[in-house]
Amino acid sequence: MCRTPYGAGRDEHDPFVFKGIMKLNPQSTVFVFPGQGSQAVGMGKELAETYPAAKEIFDRADSLLGFSLSQLMWEGPAEELNETINTQPALYVHSIAAWRTFTLHYPDFRPATVAGHSLGELSALTASGALSFEDGLKLVRTRGELMKRAGELNPGGMAAILGVDIPTLDKVCADASTTEEIVQVANDNCPGQVVISGHKPALERAMAGAKAAGAKRALALAVSIAAHSPLMASIQEDWNAAVDACAMNTPQIPVVGNVHARPMLTADEFRADIKAQMQSRVRWTESVQWMRRNGIQAYVETGSGEVLLGMIKRIDPTAARHLLGAPKDFVALKE
């Protein structure tokens, strides 16, 4: 790990030397970390080319995994990057590379909290200091492998539903489910955008039910797994064991968890949340609402894409939103 801020001793006119006053107020800022769906070929390449601290994270990941994840991230092919066993570590590594670069340049900046969407919760735990980079990467890779296996053992599906509120969709899913075929809300992303997950026959019934209830769209997603649903039960025991095998520390920054949409401060809370998350709803809308009620006014999406910022705009349109995944984003954080 780089022990000195990159940029020390460089030409003061270099645009990538951090100086001056940053526009963010740590007491009202949260860093948020994306989950699957934010990946893209080329992710993190400019960051690694510009900042040695970021390059070091990518190099460490390649060494720990035993193959060049960075090459897959930067050159593709997209089909291979989009496989969940690769997507999950790719998103994690990019997020932590951006976060570490930020912390090296702003060592005194500590946001009020951090949060992550689904997979992104593990990135948030690492950013908080609760989970080491090495253990986090191992856990993320295992998560992808186990979820892939669950999809093979018990295939299911997921669908995006637009324009239906949560209470209505909960009823639709309950009506579409049977003892043998279950569908439920998987991701409460933002008002009007929800993902449901479960057995395909139940999923199809729920999609039809959602349209009958006034949904603007009900779109099946191109996945063969039913994340955040009981179809993950086949790998739950192995996932619990993997979580228990990782050391957890007291965080330096509170983490808002997906399962209860409340801040977590202890290792026991973290373990319980990321175990339960495998079959539970991602309460992103409620998480952002909680942060808004508790004084958060700015969100920094750390890593690949801006999917979370789009959701946050729907939940809290008054909040400031910033990206942090490429060199230009670091420059934009300056006044």
C-alpha atoms as a PDB file:
ATOM      1  CA  MET A   1       0.000   0.000   0.000  1.00  0.00           C
ATOM      2  CA  CYS A   2       1.296   3.450  -0.899  1.00  0.00           C
ATOM      3  CA  ARG A   3       2.323   5.251   2.286  1.00  0.00           C
ATOM      4  CA  THR A   4       2.795   8.759   0.940  1.00  0.00           C
ATOM      5  CA  PRO A   5       0.303  10.875  -0.987  1.00  0.00           C
ATOM      6  CA  TYR A   6       0.850  10.640  -4.715  1.00  0.00           C
ATOM      7  CA  GLY A   7       1.839  14.014  -6.061  1.00  0.00           C
ATOM      8  CA  ALA A   8       4.394  14.915  -3.382  1.00  0.00           C
ATOM      9  CA  GLY A   9       7.231  16.766  -4.996  1.00  0.00           C
ATOM     10  CA  ARG A  10       5.537  17.051  -8.390  1.00  0.00           C
ATOM     11  CA  ASP A  11       5.175  20.232 -10.410  1.00  0.00           C
ATOM     12  CA  GLU A  12       2.581  22.412  -8.665  1.00  0.00           C
ATOM     13  CA  HIS A  13       1.037  23.203 -12.063  1.00  0.00           C
ATOM     14  CA  ASP A  14       0.277  19.539 -12.732  1.00  0.00           C
ATOM     15  CA  PRO A  15      -3.551  19.353 -12.940  1.00  0.00           C
ATOM     16  CA  PHE A  16      -3.556  16.067 -11.027  1.00  0.00           C
ATOM     17  CA  VAL A  17      -1.804  17.428  -7.958  1.00  0.00           C
ATOM     18  CA  PHE A  18      -4.522  17.974  -5.348  1.00  0.00           C
ATOM     19  CA  LYS A  19      -4.448  21.371  -3.739  1.00  0.00           C
ATOM     20  CA  GLY A  20      -6.868  24.016  -2.630  1.00  0.00           C
ATOM     21  CA  ILE A  21     -10.216  23.554  -0.895  1.00  0.00           C
ATOM     22  CA  MET A  22     -12.533  20.721  -1.770  1.00  0.00           C
ATOM     23  CA  LYS A  23     -16.226  21.471  -2.182  1.00  0.00           C
ATOM     24  CA  LEU A  24     -17.457  18.607   0.015  1.00  0.00           C
ATOM     25  CA  ASN A  25     -18.394  18.962   3.671  1.00  0.00           C
ATOM     26  CA  PRO A  26     -17.533  15.670   5.422  1.00  0.00           C
ATOM     27  CA  GLN A  27     -20.294  16.078   8.008  1.00  0.00           C
ATOM     28  CA  SER A  28     -22.983  16.023   5.318  1.00  0.00           C
ATOM     29  CA  THR A  29     -21.359  13.735   2.731  1.00  0.00           C
ATOM     30  CA  VAL A  30     -21.741  10.006   2.110  1.00  0.00           C
ATOM     31  CA  PHE A  31     -19.674   7.852  -0.241  1.00  0.00           C
ATOM     32  CA  VAL A  32     -21.785   5.217  -1.989  1.00  0.00           C
ATOM     33  CA  PHE A  33     -20.544   2.108  -3.804  1.00  0.00           C
ATOM     34  CA  PRO A  34     -22.273   0.470  -6.800  1.00  0.00           C
ATOM     35  CA  GLY A  35     -23.351  -3.108  -7.372  1.00  0.00           C
ATOM     36  CA  GLN A  36     -23.843  -5.242 -10.455  1.00  0.00           C
ATOM     37  CA  GLY A  37     -25.037  -3.425 -13.535  1.00  0.00           C
ATOM     38  CA  SER A  38     -22.465  -0.628 -13.270  1.00  0.00           C
ATOM     39  CA  GLN A  39     -19.608  -2.526 -14.941  1.00  0.00           C
ATOM     40  CA  ALA A  40     -18.228  -1.545 -18.367  1.00  0.00           C
ATOM     41  CA  VAL A  41     -15.165  -2.472 -20.396  1.00  0.00           C
ATOM     42  CA  GLY A  42     -12.487   0.134 -19.688  1.00  0.00           C
ATOM     43  CA  MET A  43     -13.542   0.640 -16.073  1.00  0.00           C
ATOM     44  CA  GLY A  44     -10.728   2.017 -13.931  1.00  0.00           C
ATOM     45  CA  LYS A  45      -8.124   2.144 -16.707  1.00  0.00           C
ATOM     46  CA  GLU A  46      -7.592   5.916 -16.685  1.00  0.00           C
ATOM     47  CA  LEU A  47      -7.542   5.914 -12.906  1.00  0.00           C
ATOM     48  CA  ALA A  48      -4.735   3.345 -12.816  1.00  0.00           C
ATOM     49  CA  GLU A  49      -2.795   5.118 -15.578  1.00  0.00           C
ATOM     50  CA  THR A  50      -2.938   8.421 -13.689  1.00  0.00           C
ATOM     51  CA  TYR A  51      -2.494   7.455 -10.040  1.00  0.00           C
ATOM     52  CA  PRO A  52       0.078   4.915  -8.788  1.00  0.00           C
ATOM     53  CA  ALA A  53      -2.038   4.383  -5.654  1.00  0.00           C
ATOM     54  CA  ALA A  54      -4.889   3.125  -7.836  1.00  0.00           C
ATOM     55  CA  LYS A  55      -2.563   1.046 -10.027  1.00  0.00           C
ATOM     56  CA  GLU A  56      -1.269  -0.649  -6.907  1.00  0.00           C
ATOM     57  CA  ILE A  57      -4.788  -1.774  -5.972  1.00  0.00           C
ATOM     58  CA  PHE A  58      -5.331  -3.291  -9.407  1.00  0.00           C
ATOM     59  CA  ASP A  59      -1.924  -5.012  -9.279  1.00  0.00           C
ATOM     60  CA  ARG A  60      -2.643  -6.429  -5.827  1.00  0.00           C
ATOM     61  CA  ALA A  61      -5.993  -7.752  -7.021  1.00  0.00           C
ATOM     62  CA  ASP A  62      -4.388  -9.466 -10.019  1.00  0.00           C
ATOM     63  CA  SER A  63      -1.806 -11.081  -7.745  1.00  0.00           C
ATOM     64  CA  LEU A  64      -4.355 -12.212  -5.162  1.00  0.00           C
ATOM     65  CA  LEU A  65      -6.735 -13.651  -7.742  1.00  0.00           C
ATOM     66  CA  GLY A  66      -4.023 -15.350  -9.790  1.00  0.00           C
ATOM     67  CA  PHE A  67      -5.138 -13.876 -13.112  1.00  0.00           C
ATOM     68  CA  SER A  68      -5.261 -10.445 -14.737  1.00  0.00           C
ATOM     69  CA  LEU A  69      -8.623  -9.086 -13.668  1.00  0.00           C
ATOM     70  CA  SER A  70      -7.393  -5.629 -14.668  1.00  0.00           C
ATOM     71  CA  GLN A  71      -6.859  -6.730 -18.267  1.00  0.00           C
ATOM     72  CA  LEU A  72     -10.377  -8.148 -18.388  1.00  0.00           C
ATOM     73  CA  MET A  73     -11.738  -4.899 -16.945  1.00  0.00           C
ATOM     74  CA  TRP A  74      -9.847  -2.704 -19.385  1.00  0.00           C
ATOM     75  CA  GLU A  75      -9.963  -4.771 -22.577  1.00  0.00           C
ATOM     76  CA  GLY A  76     -12.873  -7.180 -22.179  1.00  0.00           C
ATOM     77  CA  PRO A  77     -14.465  -9.127 -23.721  1.00  0.00           C
ATOM     78  CA  ALA A  78     -17.683  -7.720 -22.277  1.00  0.00           C
ATOM     79  CA  GLU A  79     -19.340 -11.146 -22.146  1.00  0.00           C
ATOM     80  CA  GLU A  80     -16.644 -12.414 -19.792  1.00  0.00           C
ATOM     81  CA  LEU A  81     -16.649  -9.253 -17.683  1.00  0.00           C
ATOM     82  CA  ASN A  82     -20.419  -9.569 -17.318  1.00  0.00           C
ATOM     83  CA  GLU A  83     -20.138 -13.031 -15.770  1.00  0.00           C
ATOM     84  CA  THR A  84     -21.007 -12.563 -12.110  1.00  0.00           C
ATOM     85  CA  ILE A  85     -17.811 -14.262 -10.892  1.00  0.00           C
ATOM     86  CA  ASN A  86     -15.848 -11.496 -12.663  1.00  0.00           C
ATOM     87  CA  THR A  87     -18.284  -8.599 -12.395  1.00  0.00           C
ATOM     88  CA  GLN A  88     -18.355  -8.614  -8.618  1.00  0.00           C
ATOM     89  CA  PRO A  89     -14.576  -8.409  -8.001  1.00  0.00           C
ATOM     90  CA  ALA A  90     -14.199  -5.926 -10.873  1.00  0.00           C
ATOM     91  CA  LEU A  91     -16.653  -3.499  -9.304  1.00  0.00           C
ATOM     92  CA  TYR A  92     -15.118  -3.971  -5.871  1.00  0.00           C
ATOM     93  CA  VAL A  93     -11.550  -3.354  -7.088  1.00  0.00           C
ATOM     94  CA  HIS A  94     -12.476  -0.232  -9.063  1.00  0.00           C
ATOM     95  CA  SER A  95     -14.384   1.200  -6.109  1.00  0.00           C
ATOM     96  CA  ILE A  96     -11.573   0.586  -3.643  1.00  0.00           C
ATOM     97  CA  ALA A  97      -8.940   1.931  -6.050  1.00  0.00           C
ATOM     98  CA  ALA A  98     -10.901   5.195  -6.307  1.00  0.00           C
ATOM     99  CA  TRP A  99     -11.529   5.310  -2.556  1.00  0.00           C
ATOM    100  CA  ARG A 100      -7.874   4.672  -1.653  1.00  0.00           C
ATOM    101  CA  THR A 101      -6.694   7.318  -4.098  1.00  0.00           C
ATOM    102  CA  PHE A 102      -9.095   9.787  -2.516  1.00  0.00           C
ATOM    103  CA  THR A 103      -8.010   8.985   1.037  1.00  0.00           C
ATOM    104  CA  LEU A 104      -4.326   9.354   0.193  1.00  0.00           C
ATOM    105  CA  HIS A 105      -4.939  12.832  -1.150  1.00  0.00           C
ATOM    106  CA  TYR A 106      -7.412  13.861   1.533  1.00  0.00           C
ATOM    107  CA  PRO A 107      -6.238  11.940   4.610  1.00  0.00           C
ATOM    108  CA  ASP A 108      -8.216  14.131   7.009  1.00  0.00           C
ATOM    109  CA  PHE A 109     -11.516  13.804   5.160  1.00  0.00           C
ATOM    110  CA  ARG A 110     -13.874  11.335   6.793  1.00  0.00           C
ATOM    111  CA  PRO A 111     -17.426  11.215   5.406  1.00  0.00           C
ATOM    112  CA  ALA A 112     -20.376  11.036   7.757  1.00  0.00           C
ATOM    113  CA  THR A 113     -21.173   7.526   6.531  1.00  0.00           C
ATOM    114  CA  VAL A 114     -20.713   5.088   3.666  1.00  0.00           C
ATOM    115  CA  ALA A 115     -23.196   2.761   1.975  1.00  0.00           C
ATOM    116  CA  GLY A 116     -23.246   0.277  -0.874  1.00  0.00           C
ATOM    117  CA  HIS A 117     -25.923  -1.262  -3.069  1.00  0.00           C
ATOM    118  CA  SER A 118     -25.964  -5.078  -2.813  1.00  0.00           C
ATOM    119  CA  LEU A 119     -22.391  -6.118  -3.721  1.00  0.00           C
ATOM    120  CA  GLY A 120     -21.377  -2.503  -3.030  1.00  0.00           C
ATOM    121  CA  GLU A 121     -21.980  -3.060   0.675  1.00  0.00           C
ATOM    122  CA  LEU A 122     -18.728  -5.067   0.776  1.00  0.00           C
ATOM    123  CA  SER A 123     -16.922  -2.126  -0.832  1.00  0.00           C
ATOM    124  CA  ALA A 124     -18.455   0.133   1.800  1.00  0.00           C
ATOM    125  CA  LEU A 125     -17.273  -2.183   4.577  1.00  0.00           C
ATOM    126  CA  THR A 126     -13.736  -2.036   3.199  1.00  0.00           C
ATOM    127  CA  ALA A 127     -13.890   1.756   2.913  1.00  0.00           C
ATOM    128  CA  SER A 128     -15.085   1.967   6.524  1.00  0.00           C
ATOM    129  CA  GLY A 129     -12.056   0.027   7.760  1.00  0.00           C
ATOM    130  CA  ALA A 130     -14.170  -2.919   8.923  1.00  0.00           C
ATOM    131  CA  LEU A 131     -12.842  -5.282   6.238  1.00  0.00           C
ATOM    132  CA  SER A 132      -9.354  -5.494   4.751  1.00  0.00           C
ATOM    133  CA  PHE A 133      -8.914  -5.180   0.992  1.00  0.00           C
ATOM    134  CA  GLU A 134      -7.545  -8.716   0.781  1.00  0.00           C
ATOM    135  CA  ASP A 135     -10.367 -10.294   2.785  1.00  0.00           C
ATOM    136  CA  GLY A 136     -12.934  -8.193   0.951  1.00  0.00           C
ATOM    137  CA  LEU A 137     -11.652  -9.305  -2.449  1.00  0.00           C
ATOM    138  CA  LYS A 138     -11.690 -12.944  -1.383  1.00  0.00           C
ATOM    139  CA  LEU A 139     -15.224 -12.568  -0.050  1.00  0.00           C
ATOM    140  CA  VAL A 140     -16.434 -10.812  -3.205  1.00  0.00           C
ATOM    141  CA  ARG A 141     -14.967 -13.487  -5.461  1.00  0.00           C
ATOM    142  CA  THR A 142     -16.567 -16.197  -3.312  1.00  0.00           C
ATOM    143  CA  ARG A 143     -19.886 -14.368  -3.446  1.00  0.00           C
ATOM    144  CA  GLY A 144     -19.798 -14.377  -7.238  1.00  0.00           C
ATOM    145  CA  GLU A 145     -18.868 -18.059  -7.394  1.00  0.00           C
ATOM    146  CA  LEU A 146     -21.614 -19.053  -4.956  1.00  0.00           C
ATOM    147  CA  MET A 147     -24.285 -16.989  -6.688  1.00  0.00           C
ATOM    148  CA  LYS A 148     -23.341 -18.530 -10.016  1.00  0.00           C
ATOM    149  CA  ARG A 149     -23.654 -21.979  -8.445  1.00  0.00           C
ATOM    150  CA  ALA A 150     -27.042 -21.101  -6.956  1.00  0.00           C
ATOM    151  CA  GLY A 151     -28.246 -20.119 -10.422  1.00  0.00           C
ATOM    152  CA  GLU A 152     -27.126 -23.468 -11.787  1.00  0.00           C
ATOM    153  CA  LEU A 153     -28.693 -25.477  -8.950  1.00  0.00           C
ATOM    154  CA  ASN A 154     -31.940 -23.534  -8.805  1.00  0.00           C
ATOM    155  CA  PRO A 155     -32.407 -21.327 -11.888  1.00  0.00           C
ATOM    156  CA  GLY A 156     -34.566 -18.269 -11.559  1.00  0.00           C
ATOM    157  CA  GLY A 157     -34.840 -14.776 -12.906  1.00  0.00           C
ATOM    158  CA  MET A 158     -35.246 -11.103 -12.145  1.00  0.00           C
ATOM    159  CA  ALA A 159     -37.339  -8.318 -13.649  1.00  0.00           C
ATOM    160  CA  ALA A 160     -37.404  -4.540 -13.455  1.00  0.00           C
ATOM    161  CA  ILE A 161     -40.796  -3.039 -12.669  1.00  0.00           C
ATOM    162  CA  LEU A 162     -41.398   0.643 -13.379  1.00  0.00           C
ATOM    163  CA  GLY A 163     -44.189   2.777 -12.043  1.00  0.00           C
ATOM    164  CA  VAL A 164     -45.597   0.648  -9.198  1.00  0.00           C
ATOM    165  CA  ASP A 165     -45.163   1.435  -5.509  1.00  0.00           C
ATOM    166  CA  ILE A 166     -43.730  -1.047  -3.018  1.00  0.00           C
ATOM    167  CA  PRO A 167     -46.961  -1.935  -1.141  1.00  0.00           C
ATOM    168  CA  THR A 168     -48.702  -2.692  -4.432  1.00  0.00           C
ATOM    169  CA  LEU A 169     -45.783  -4.737  -5.712  1.00  0.00           C
ATOM    170  CA  ASP A 170     -45.506  -6.654  -2.438  1.00  0.00           C
ATOM    171  CA  LYS A 171     -49.142  -7.706  -2.893  1.00  0.00           C
ATOM    172  CA  VAL A 172     -48.579  -8.561  -6.548  1.00  0.00           C
ATOM    173  CA  CYS A 173     -45.638 -10.794  -5.612  1.00  0.00           C
ATOM    174  CA  ALA A 174     -47.560 -12.458  -2.798  1.00  0.00           C
ATOM    175  CA  ASP A 175     -50.469 -13.202  -5.163  1.00  0.00           C
ATOM    176  CA  ALA A 176     -48.074 -14.575  -7.801  1.00  0.00           C
ATOM    177  CA  SER A 177     -46.245 -16.860  -5.366  1.00  0.00           C
ATOM    178  CA  THR A 178     -47.147 -20.420  -4.403  1.00  0.00           C
ATOM    179  CA  THR A 179     -45.656 -22.868  -1.925  1.00  0.00           C
ATOM    180  CA  GLU A 180     -43.267 -24.138  -4.608  1.00  0.00           C
ATOM    181  CA  GLU A 181     -42.784 -20.990  -6.693  1.00  0.00           C
ATOM    182  CA  ILE A 182     -41.775 -17.746  -4.987  1.00  0.00           C
ATOM    183  CA  VAL A 183     -41.189 -14.217  -6.233  1.00  0.00           C
ATOM    184  CA  GLN A 184     -40.410 -11.165  -4.086  1.00  0.00           C
ATOM    185  CA  VAL A 185     -39.070  -7.631  -4.201  1.00  0.00           C
ATOM    186  CA  ALA A 186     -35.282  -7.861  -4.479  1.00  0.00           C
ATOM    187  CA  ASN A 187     -34.160  -4.257  -4.950  1.00  0.00           C
ATOM    188  CA  ASP A 188     -36.160  -1.220  -3.835  1.00  0.00           C
ATOM    189  CA  ASN A 189     -33.985   1.097  -5.902  1.00  0.00           C
ATOM    190  CA  CYS A 190     -35.987   4.315  -5.922  1.00  0.00           C
ATOM    191  CA  PRO A 191     -39.602   5.449  -6.292  1.00  0.00           C
ATOM    192  CA  GLY A 192     -40.964   3.908  -9.468  1.00  0.00           C
ATOM    193  CA  GLN A 193     -38.017   1.553 -10.067  1.00  0.00           C
ATOM    194  CA  VAL A 194     -38.060  -1.828  -8.359  1.00  0.00           C
ATOM    195  CA  VAL A 195     -36.520  -5.212  -9.193  1.00  0.00           C
ATOM    196  CA  ILE A 196     -38.313  -8.453  -8.362  1.00  0.00           C
ATOM    197  CA  SER A 197     -36.684 -11.886  -8.172  1.00  0.00           C
ATOM    198  CA  GLY A 198     -37.690 -15.538  -7.967  1.00  0.00           C
ATOM    199  CA  HIS A 199     -38.771 -18.672  -9.790  1.00  0.00           C
ATOM    200  CA  LYS A 200     -39.466 -17.916 -13.458  1.00  0.00           C
ATOM    201  CA  PRO A 201     -43.124 -19.023 -13.513  1.00  0.00           C
ATOM    202  CA  ALA A 202     -43.862 -16.878 -10.452  1.00  0.00           C
ATOM    203  CA  LEU A 203     -41.819 -14.051 -11.928  1.00  0.00           C
ATOM    204  CA  GLU A 204     -43.887 -14.138 -15.123  1.00  0.00           C
ATOM    205  CA  ARG A 205     -47.122 -14.101 -13.124  1.00  0.00           C
ATOM    206  CA  ALA A 206     -45.843 -11.137 -11.100  1.00  0.00           C
ATOM    207  CA  MET A 207     -44.854  -9.246 -14.249  1.00  0.00           C
ATOM    208  CA  ALA A 208     -48.368  -9.708 -15.608  1.00  0.00           C
ATOM    209  CA  GLY A 209     -49.825  -8.717 -12.253  1.00  0.00           C
ATOM    210  CA  ALA A 210     -47.671  -5.597 -12.123  1.00  0.00           C
ATOM    211  CA  LYS A 211     -48.864  -4.530 -15.571  1.00  0.00           C
ATOM    212  CA  ALA A 212     -52.464  -5.075 -14.482  1.00  0.00           C
ATOM    213  CA  ALA A 213     -51.729  -2.913 -11.424  1.00  0.00           C
ATOM    214  CA  GLY A 214     -50.553  -0.046 -13.627  1.00  0.00           C
ATOM    215  CA  ALA A 215     -46.833  -0.667 -14.192  1.00  0.00           C
ATOM    216  CA  LYS A 216     -45.376   1.385 -17.031  1.00  0.00           C
ATOM    217  CA  ARG A 217     -42.960  -1.434 -17.839  1.00  0.00           C
ATOM    218  CA  ALA A 218     -42.186  -4.939 -16.637  1.00  0.00           C
ATOM    219  CA  LEU A 219     -38.889  -5.998 -18.177  1.00  0.00           C
ATOM    220  CA  ALA A 220     -37.191  -9.365 -17.652  1.00  0.00           C
ATOM    221  CA  LEU A 221     -33.462  -8.958 -16.966  1.00  0.00           C
ATOM    222  CA  ALA A 222     -30.820 -10.977 -18.815  1.00  0.00           C
ATOM    223  CA  VAL A 223     -29.790 -13.054 -15.780  1.00  0.00           C
ATOM    224  CA  SER A 224     -30.249 -16.693 -14.785  1.00  0.00           C
ATOM    225  CA  ILE A 225     -29.998 -16.109 -11.040  1.00  0.00           C
ATOM    226  CA  ALA A 226     -32.610 -14.862  -8.599  1.00  0.00           C
ATOM    227  CA  ALA A 227     -30.529 -12.674  -6.304  1.00  0.00           C
ATOM    228  CA  HIS A 228     -31.940 -11.467  -2.989  1.00  0.00           C
ATOM    229  CA  SER A 229     -34.551 -14.201  -2.922  1.00  0.00           C
ATOM    230  CA  PRO A 230     -35.068 -17.628  -1.329  1.00  0.00           C
ATOM    231  CA  LEU A 231     -33.521 -19.209  -4.439  1.00  0.00           C
ATOM    232  CA  MET A 232     -30.161 -18.337  -2.871  1.00  0.00           C
ATOM    233  CA  ALA A 233     -30.864 -20.724   0.019  1.00  0.00           C
ATOM    234  CA  SER A 234     -28.790 -23.497  -1.579  1.00  0.00           C
ATOM    235  CA  ILE A 235     -25.578 -21.532  -1.027  1.00  0.00           C
ATOM    236  CA  GLN A 236     -26.499 -19.722   2.198  1.00  0.00           C
ATOM    237  CA  GLU A 237     -24.589 -22.091   4.483  1.00  0.00           C
ATOM    238  CA  ASP A 238     -21.404 -21.779   2.427  1.00  0.00           C
ATOM    239  CA  TRP A 239     -21.816 -18.006   2.263  1.00  0.00           C
ATOM    240  CA  ASN A 240     -22.243 -17.802   6.036  1.00  0.00           C
ATOM    241  CA  ALA A 241     -19.042 -19.805   6.499  1.00  0.00           C
ATOM    242  CA  ALA A 242     -17.134 -17.511   4.127  1.00  0.00           C
ATOM    243  CA  VAL A 243     -18.354 -14.429   5.996  1.00  0.00           C
ATOM    244  CA  ASP A 244     -17.426 -15.930   9.362  1.00  0.00           C
ATOM    245  CA  ALA A 245     -13.921 -16.757   8.082  1.00  0.00           C
ATOM    246  CA  CYS A 246     -13.180 -13.074   7.372  1.00  0.00           C
ATOM    247  CA  ALA A 247     -11.870 -10.848  10.130  1.00  0.00           C
ATOM    248  CA  MET A 248     -14.111  -7.873  10.873  1.00  0.00           C
ATOM    249  CA  ASN A 249     -12.942  -4.748  12.670  1.00  0.00           C
ATOM    250  CA  THR A 250     -14.650  -1.835  14.357  1.00  0.00           C
ATOM    251  CA  PRO A 251     -15.301   0.643  11.523  1.00  0.00           C
ATOM    252  CA  GLN A 252     -13.857   4.129  11.369  1.00  0.00           C
ATOM    253  CA  ILE A 253     -16.995   5.246   9.509  1.00  0.00           C
ATOM    254  CA  PRO A 254     -20.599   4.041  10.054  1.00  0.00           C
ATOM    255  CA  VAL A 255     -22.015   1.835   7.291  1.00  0.00           C
ATOM    256  CA  VAL A 256     -25.691   1.995   6.341  1.00  0.00           C
ATOM    257  CA  GLY A 257     -26.744  -1.599   5.712  1.00  0.00           C
ATOM    258  CA  ASN A 258     -29.024  -2.923   2.963  1.00  0.00           C
ATOM    259  CA  VAL A 259     -31.198  -5.206   5.078  1.00  0.00           C
ATOM    260  CA  HIS A 260     -32.424  -2.741   7.725  1.00  0.00           C
ATOM    261  CA  ALA A 261     -31.480   0.615   6.128  1.00  0.00           C
ATOM    262  CA  ARG A 262     -29.796   1.738   9.333  1.00  0.00           C
ATOM    263  CA  PRO A 263     -26.171   2.446  10.301  1.00  0.00           C
ATOM    264  CA  MET A 264     -24.071  -0.435  11.580  1.00  0.00           C
ATOM    265  CA  LEU A 265     -21.164  -0.032  13.998  1.00  0.00           C
ATOM    266  CA  THR A 266     -20.071  -3.510  15.052  1.00  0.00           C
ATOM    267  CA  ALA A 267     -18.593  -6.619  13.423  1.00  0.00           C
ATOM    268  CA  ASP A 268     -21.592  -8.681  14.540  1.00  0.00           C
ATOM    269  CA  GLU A 269     -23.963  -6.276  12.784  1.00  0.00           C
ATOM    270  CA  PHE A 270     -21.902  -6.428   9.589  1.00  0.00           C
ATOM    271  CA  ARG A 271     -21.813 -10.211   9.539  1.00  0.00           C
ATOM    272  CA  ALA A 272     -25.543 -10.493  10.145  1.00  0.00           C
ATOM    273  CA  ASP A 273     -26.366  -7.962   7.439  1.00  0.00           C
ATOM    274  CA  ILE A 274     -24.251  -9.375   4.626  1.00  0.00           C
ATOM    275  CA  LYS A 275     -25.412 -12.901   5.443  1.00  0.00           C
ATOM    276  CA  ALA A 276     -29.086 -11.906   5.442  1.00  0.00           C
ATOM    277  CA  GLN A 277     -28.631  -9.764   2.333  1.00  0.00           C
ATOM    278  CA  MET A 278     -28.234 -12.899   0.196  1.00  0.00           C
ATOM    279  CA  GLN A 279     -31.962 -13.627   0.434  1.00  0.00           C
ATOM    280  CA  SER A 280     -33.290 -10.237   1.569  1.00  0.00           C
ATOM    281  CA  ARG A 281     -34.445  -7.048  -0.085  1.00  0.00           C
ATOM    282  CA  VAL A 282     -31.940  -4.276  -0.795  1.00  0.00           C
ATOM    283  CA  ARG A 283     -33.638  -1.317   0.880  1.00  0.00           C
ATOM    284  CA  TRP A 284     -31.891   1.415  -1.064  1.00  0.00           C
ATOM    285  CA  THR A 285     -34.769   3.884  -1.070  1.00  0.00           C
ATOM    286  CA  GLU A 286     -35.112   3.588   2.699  1.00  0.00           C
ATOM    287  CA  SER A 287     -31.329   3.874   3.139  1.00  0.00           C
ATOM    288  CA  VAL A 288     -31.170   7.174   1.244  1.00  0.00           C
ATOM    289  CA  GLN A 289     -34.239   8.446   3.061  1.00  0.00           C
ATOM    290  CA  TRP A 290     -32.580   7.655   6.393  1.00  0.00           C
ATOM    291  CA  MET A 291     -29.407   9.474   5.339  1.00  0.00           C
ATOM    292  CA  ARG A 292     -31.394  12.465   4.151  1.00  0.00           C
ATOM    293  CA  ARG A 293     -33.242  12.687   7.491  1.00  0.00           C
ATOM    294  CA  ASN A 294     -29.898  12.616   9.265  1.00  0.00           C
ATOM    295  CA  GLY A 295     -28.307  15.521   7.466  1.00  0.00           C
ATOM    296  CA  ILE A 296     -26.716  14.049   4.346  1.00  0.00           C
ATOM    297  CA  GLN A 297     -26.680  16.612   1.547  1.00  0.00           C
ATOM    298  CA  ALA A 298     -24.077  15.194  -0.870  1.00  0.00           C
ATOM    299  CA  TYR A 299     -23.435  11.750  -2.365  1.00  0.00           C
ATOM    300  CA  VAL A 300     -20.230  10.580  -4.029  1.00  0.00           C
ATOM    301  CA  GLU A 301     -20.584   7.445  -6.176  1.00  0.00           C
ATOM    302  CA  THR A 302     -17.216   5.754  -5.932  1.00  0.00           C
ATOM    303  CA  GLY A 303     -16.188   3.383  -8.707  1.00  0.00           C
ATOM    304  CA  SER A 304     -17.832   2.557 -12.014  1.00  0.00           C
ATOM    305  CA  GLY A 305     -20.775   4.408 -13.510  1.00  0.00           C
ATOM    306  CA  GLU A 306     -23.476   6.603 -12.032  1.00  0.00           C
ATOM    307  CA  VAL A 307     -26.369   4.190 -11.535  1.00  0.00           C
ATOM    308  CA  LEU A 308     -26.711   5.022  -7.836  1.00  0.00           C
ATOM    309  CA  LEU A 309     -26.695   8.761  -8.461  1.00  0.00           C
ATOM    310  CA  GLY A 310     -29.623   8.315 -10.838  1.00  0.00           C
ATOM    311  CA  MET A 311     -31.540   6.495  -8.115  1.00  0.00           C
ATOM    312  CA  ILE A 312     -30.590   9.082  -5.507  1.00  0.00           C
ATOM    313  CA  LYS A 313     -31.855  11.861  -7.764  1.00  0.00           C
ATOM    314  CA  ARG A 314     -35.289  10.218  -7.675  1.00  0.00           C
ATOM    315  CA  ILE A 315     -35.206   9.790  -3.882  1.00  0.00           C
ATOM    316  CA  ASP A 316     -33.613  13.110  -2.865  1.00  0.00           C
ATOM    317  CA  PRO A 317     -33.595  15.555  -5.797  1.00  0.00           C
ATOM    318  CA  THR A 318     -32.156  18.343  -3.630  1.00  0.00           C
ATOM    319  CA  ALA A 319     -28.914  16.466  -2.859  1.00  0.00           C
ATOM    320  CA  ALA A 320     -25.607  17.223  -4.546  1.00  0.00           C
ATOM    321  CA  ARG A 321     -24.277  14.278  -6.565  1.00  0.00           C
ATOM    322  CA  HIS A 322     -20.683  13.586  -7.585  1.00  0.00           C
ATOM    323  CA  LEU A 323     -18.820  10.848  -9.442  1.00  0.00           C
ATOM    324  CA  LEU A 324     -15.481   9.429  -8.316  1.00  0.00           C
ATOM    325  CA  GLY A 325     -14.162   6.831 -10.718  1.00  0.00           C
ATOM    326  CA  ALA A 326     -11.894   8.594 -13.208  1.00  0.00           C
ATOM    327  CA  PRO A 327      -9.197  11.315 -12.977  1.00  0.00           C
ATOM    328  CA  LYS A 328     -11.571  14.010 -14.237  1.00  0.00           C
ATOM    329  CA  ASP A 329     -13.909  13.261 -11.333  1.00  0.00           C
ATOM    330  CA  PHE A 330     -11.176  14.044  -8.811  1.00  0.00           C
ATOM    331  CA  VAL A 331     -10.563  17.375 -10.523  1.00  0.00           C
ATOM    332  CA  ALA A 332     -14.309  18.122 -10.536  1.00  0.00           C
ATOM    333  CA  LEU A 333     -14.453  17.768  -6.759  1.00  0.00           C
ATOM    334  CA  LYS A 334     -12.407  20.947  -6.475  1.00  0.00           C
ATOM    335  CA  GLU A 335     -14.001  24.348  -6.316  1.00  0.00           C
END
